[in-house]
Amino acid sequence: MYGSKPVNLAKQQGVSLSGLIFLLAIITFIAMFAMKVFPTFLEYRSVKAGIIAAKKIDGTVRDIQLSFDKHADINSIKTIKGTDLIITKDTGETQVAFAYTSRIPLITNVTLLIDYSGTTDPSGVIPEKPADPIR
């Protein structure tokens, strides 16, 4: 026994079973949260790309809405439609904006609300959507 070191039981290191279960529970919760939020973020990115593509049409309001709807069909955008876009032409250049809220059910009666918005305006200001005319 020339090369062996004495084992000191007071200095054992490692993770206990209860600590491991707690750590796995936290990792699982974070993973579940990310799996529910990430698709809405991807859809938001698709909507932003859609308004940029729709702005390039530089046609009438209806042309821009139809262009966005085509982009939405291709990219499976379900939360917003072309009629929900805010289209303005204040400074002579057409600007397209959007704003919507995504509801993500987390656990039973707990829901996460995320407000997404974007615009093609370089100032970043999103105008208010005008009220619908009385029909």
C-alpha atoms as a PDB file:
ATOM      1  CA  MET A   1       0.000   0.000   0.000  1.00  0.00           C
ATOM      2  CA  TYR A   2       2.710   2.372  -0.901  1.00  0.00           C
ATOM      3  CA  GLY A   3       0.895   4.376  -3.603  1.00  0.00           C
ATOM      4  CA  SER A   4      -2.622   4.627  -2.220  1.00  0.00           C
ATOM      5  CA  LYS A   5      -3.953   7.737  -0.519  1.00  0.00           C
ATOM      6  CA  PRO A   6      -6.281   7.546   2.438  1.00  0.00           C
ATOM      7  CA  VAL A   7      -9.929   8.349   1.634  1.00  0.00           C
ATOM      8  CA  ASN A   8     -11.399  11.198   3.642  1.00  0.00           C
ATOM      9  CA  LEU A   9     -15.184  10.692   3.771  1.00  0.00           C
ATOM     10  CA  ALA A  10     -15.722  14.251   5.052  1.00  0.00           C
ATOM     11  CA  LYS A  11     -14.477  15.640   1.720  1.00  0.00           C
ATOM     12  CA  GLN A  12     -16.640  13.655  -0.689  1.00  0.00           C
ATOM     13  CA  GLN A  13     -17.794  15.627  -3.700  1.00  0.00           C
ATOM     14  CA  GLY A  14     -20.654  15.201  -6.135  1.00  0.00           C
ATOM     15  CA  VAL A  15     -24.344  15.806  -6.573  1.00  0.00           C
ATOM     16  CA  SER A  16     -26.935  14.195  -4.368  1.00  0.00           C
ATOM     17  CA  LEU A  17     -29.973  12.503  -5.882  1.00  0.00           C
ATOM     18  CA  SER A  18     -32.326  15.226  -4.634  1.00  0.00           C
ATOM     19  CA  GLY A  19     -30.010  17.904  -6.038  1.00  0.00           C
ATOM     20  CA  LEU A  20     -29.907  16.123  -9.392  1.00  0.00           C
ATOM     21  CA  ILE A  21     -33.719  15.854  -9.521  1.00  0.00           C
ATOM     22  CA  PHE A  22     -34.064  19.547  -8.652  1.00  0.00           C
ATOM     23  CA  LEU A  23     -31.539  20.509 -11.341  1.00  0.00           C
ATOM     24  CA  LEU A  24     -33.331  18.365 -13.944  1.00  0.00           C
ATOM     25  CA  ALA A  25     -36.665  19.938 -12.991  1.00  0.00           C
ATOM     26  CA  ILE A  26     -35.256  23.441 -13.543  1.00  0.00           C
ATOM     27  CA  ILE A  27     -33.713  22.453 -16.880  1.00  0.00           C
ATOM     28  CA  THR A  28     -37.001  20.837 -17.966  1.00  0.00           C
ATOM     29  CA  PHE A  29     -38.991  23.955 -17.028  1.00  0.00           C
ATOM     30  CA  ILE A  30     -36.615  26.215 -18.973  1.00  0.00           C
ATOM     31  CA  ALA A  31     -36.714  23.872 -21.986  1.00  0.00           C
ATOM     32  CA  MET A  32     -40.539  23.745 -21.959  1.00  0.00           C
ATOM     33  CA  PHE A  33     -40.699  27.542 -21.694  1.00  0.00           C
ATOM     34  CA  ALA A  34     -38.281  27.944 -24.625  1.00  0.00           C
ATOM     35  CA  MET A  35     -40.166  25.413 -26.765  1.00  0.00           C
ATOM     36  CA  LYS A  36     -43.385  27.398 -26.321  1.00  0.00           C
ATOM     37  CA  VAL A  37     -41.906  30.883 -26.839  1.00  0.00           C
ATOM     38  CA  PHE A  38     -39.466  30.184 -29.703  1.00  0.00           C
ATOM     39  CA  PRO A  39     -42.143  29.478 -32.397  1.00  0.00           C
ATOM     40  CA  THR A  40     -43.829  32.832 -31.697  1.00  0.00           C
ATOM     41  CA  PHE A  41     -40.464  34.571 -32.044  1.00  0.00           C
ATOM     42  CA  LEU A  42     -39.857  32.829 -35.381  1.00  0.00           C
ATOM     43  CA  GLU A  43     -43.296  33.918 -36.553  1.00  0.00           C
ATOM     44  CA  TYR A  44     -42.506  37.496 -35.481  1.00  0.00           C
ATOM     45  CA  ARG A  45     -39.320  37.392 -37.569  1.00  0.00           C
ATOM     46  CA  SER A  46     -41.357  36.148 -40.555  1.00  0.00           C
ATOM     47  CA  VAL A  47     -43.851  38.989 -40.104  1.00  0.00           C
ATOM     48  CA  LYS A  48     -40.992  41.517 -40.092  1.00  0.00           C
ATOM     49  CA  ALA A  49     -39.606  40.000 -43.291  1.00  0.00           C
ATOM     50  CA  GLY A  50     -43.113  40.075 -44.760  1.00  0.00           C
ATOM     51  CA  ILE A  51     -43.646  43.789 -44.194  1.00  0.00           C
ATOM     52  CA  ILE A  52     -40.258  44.546 -45.743  1.00  0.00           C
ATOM     53  CA  ALA A  53     -41.170  42.481 -48.811  1.00  0.00           C
ATOM     54  CA  ALA A  54     -44.634  44.080 -48.967  1.00  0.00           C
ATOM     55  CA  LYS A  55     -43.158  47.576 -48.782  1.00  0.00           C
ATOM     56  CA  LYS A  56     -41.050  46.861 -51.876  1.00  0.00           C
ATOM     57  CA  ILE A  57     -44.274  46.471 -53.914  1.00  0.00           C
ATOM     58  CA  ASP A  58     -44.826  50.242 -53.488  1.00  0.00           C
ATOM     59  CA  GLY A  59     -48.373  50.010 -54.812  1.00  0.00           C
ATOM     60  CA  THR A  60     -51.760  50.733 -53.343  1.00  0.00           C
ATOM     61  CA  VAL A  61     -52.736  49.748 -49.823  1.00  0.00           C
ATOM     62  CA  ARG A  62     -54.559  46.706 -51.175  1.00  0.00           C
ATOM     63  CA  ASP A  63     -51.483  45.649 -53.219  1.00  0.00           C
ATOM     64  CA  ILE A  64     -49.344  45.786 -50.074  1.00  0.00           C
ATOM     65  CA  GLN A  65     -51.912  43.800 -48.100  1.00  0.00           C
ATOM     66  CA  LEU A  66     -52.127  41.113 -50.811  1.00  0.00           C
ATOM     67  CA  SER A  67     -48.338  40.902 -51.020  1.00  0.00           C
ATOM     68  CA  PHE A  68     -48.140  40.385 -47.264  1.00  0.00           C
ATOM     69  CA  ASP A  69     -50.912  37.770 -47.375  1.00  0.00           C
ATOM     70  CA  LYS A  70     -48.973  35.813 -50.022  1.00  0.00           C
ATOM     71  CA  HIS A  71     -45.855  35.984 -47.833  1.00  0.00           C
ATOM     72  CA  ALA A  72     -47.940  34.890 -44.841  1.00  0.00           C
ATOM     73  CA  ASP A  73     -49.296  31.876 -46.746  1.00  0.00           C
ATOM     74  CA  ILE A  74     -45.805  30.763 -47.726  1.00  0.00           C
ATOM     75  CA  ASN A  75     -44.348  31.219 -44.229  1.00  0.00           C
ATOM     76  CA  SER A  76     -47.364  29.933 -42.229  1.00  0.00           C
ATOM     77  CA  ILE A  77     -48.084  33.214 -40.459  1.00  0.00           C
ATOM     78  CA  LYS A  78     -51.388  32.778 -38.631  1.00  0.00           C
ATOM     79  CA  THR A  79     -51.436  35.630 -36.093  1.00  0.00           C
ATOM     80  CA  ILE A  80     -51.735  38.618 -38.413  1.00  0.00           C
ATOM     81  CA  LYS A  81     -53.233  39.295 -41.839  1.00  0.00           C
ATOM     82  CA  GLY A  82     -52.667  41.950 -44.465  1.00  0.00           C
ATOM     83  CA  THR A  83     -55.732  43.863 -43.284  1.00  0.00           C
ATOM     84  CA  ASP A  84     -54.173  44.155 -39.806  1.00  0.00           C
ATOM     85  CA  LEU A  85     -51.152  46.081 -41.122  1.00  0.00           C
ATOM     86  CA  ILE A  86     -50.799  49.800 -40.505  1.00  0.00           C
ATOM     87  CA  ILE A  87     -49.882  51.385 -43.844  1.00  0.00           C
ATOM     88  CA  THR A  88     -49.029  55.088 -43.919  1.00  0.00           C
ATOM     89  CA  LYS A  89     -47.579  57.519 -46.438  1.00  0.00           C
ATOM     90  CA  ASP A  90     -46.687  60.610 -44.420  1.00  0.00           C
ATOM     91  CA  THR A  91     -43.398  61.781 -45.943  1.00  0.00           C
ATOM     92  CA  GLY A  92     -44.071  60.567 -49.476  1.00  0.00           C
ATOM     93  CA  GLU A  93     -42.642  57.110 -48.762  1.00  0.00           C
ATOM     94  CA  THR A  94     -44.876  54.213 -47.880  1.00  0.00           C
ATOM     95  CA  GLN A  95     -44.281  52.761 -44.413  1.00  0.00           C
ATOM     96  CA  VAL A  96     -45.715  49.480 -43.168  1.00  0.00           C
ATOM     97  CA  ALA A  97     -46.089  48.614 -39.478  1.00  0.00           C
ATOM     98  CA  PHE A  98     -47.739  45.989 -37.317  1.00  0.00           C
ATOM     99  CA  ALA A  99     -48.514  45.359 -33.663  1.00  0.00           C
ATOM    100  CA  TYR A 100     -50.076  42.288 -32.109  1.00  0.00           C
ATOM    101  CA  THR A 101     -50.140  40.310 -28.878  1.00  0.00           C
ATOM    102  CA  SER A 102     -49.248  36.644 -28.718  1.00  0.00           C
ATOM    103  CA  ARG A 103     -50.890  34.536 -26.000  1.00  0.00           C
ATOM    104  CA  ILE A 104     -48.833  31.523 -24.918  1.00  0.00           C
ATOM    105  CA  PRO A 105     -50.473  29.104 -22.453  1.00  0.00           C
ATOM    106  CA  LEU A 106     -47.793  27.865 -20.049  1.00  0.00           C
ATOM    107  CA  ILE A 107     -49.329  25.824 -17.237  1.00  0.00           C
ATOM    108  CA  THR A 108     -53.079  25.304 -16.629  1.00  0.00           C
ATOM    109  CA  ASN A 109     -54.363  28.860 -16.046  1.00  0.00           C
ATOM    110  CA  VAL A 110     -51.014  30.671 -16.490  1.00  0.00           C
ATOM    111  CA  THR A 111     -50.638  32.510 -19.814  1.00  0.00           C
ATOM    112  CA  LEU A 112     -47.693  34.517 -21.110  1.00  0.00           C
ATOM    113  CA  LEU A 113     -48.560  37.602 -23.180  1.00  0.00           C
ATOM    114  CA  ILE A 114     -45.920  38.990 -25.531  1.00  0.00           C
ATOM    115  CA  ASP A 115     -46.479  42.237 -27.442  1.00  0.00           C
ATOM    116  CA  TYR A 116     -44.778  42.108 -30.833  1.00  0.00           C
ATOM    117  CA  SER A 117     -44.486  45.157 -33.060  1.00  0.00           C
ATOM    118  CA  GLY A 118     -42.372  46.322 -35.958  1.00  0.00           C
ATOM    119  CA  THR A 119     -42.179  48.900 -38.698  1.00  0.00           C
ATOM    120  CA  THR A 120     -40.290  49.743 -41.853  1.00  0.00           C
ATOM    121  CA  ASP A 121     -40.030  53.369 -40.721  1.00  0.00           C
ATOM    122  CA  PRO A 122     -36.380  54.213 -39.930  1.00  0.00           C
ATOM    123  CA  SER A 123     -37.486  56.244 -36.888  1.00  0.00           C
ATOM    124  CA  GLY A 124     -39.023  53.091 -35.395  1.00  0.00           C
ATOM    125  CA  VAL A 125     -42.256  54.865 -34.452  1.00  0.00           C
ATOM    126  CA  ILE A 126     -45.341  52.709 -34.918  1.00  0.00           C
ATOM    127  CA  PRO A 127     -48.417  54.814 -35.700  1.00  0.00           C
ATOM    128  CA  GLU A 128     -51.798  54.063 -34.202  1.00  0.00           C
ATOM    129  CA  LYS A 129     -54.102  51.984 -36.363  1.00  0.00           C
ATOM    130  CA  PRO A 130     -56.920  54.201 -37.612  1.00  0.00           C
ATOM    131  CA  ALA A 131     -60.397  53.288 -36.484  1.00  0.00           C
ATOM    132  CA  ASP A 132     -62.415  51.236 -38.954  1.00  0.00           C
ATOM    133  CA  PRO A 133     -65.040  53.286 -40.737  1.00  0.00           C
ATOM    134  CA  ILE A 134     -68.649  52.639 -39.835  1.00  0.00           C
ATOM    135  CA  ARG A 135     -70.160  50.221 -42.329  1.00  0.00           C
END
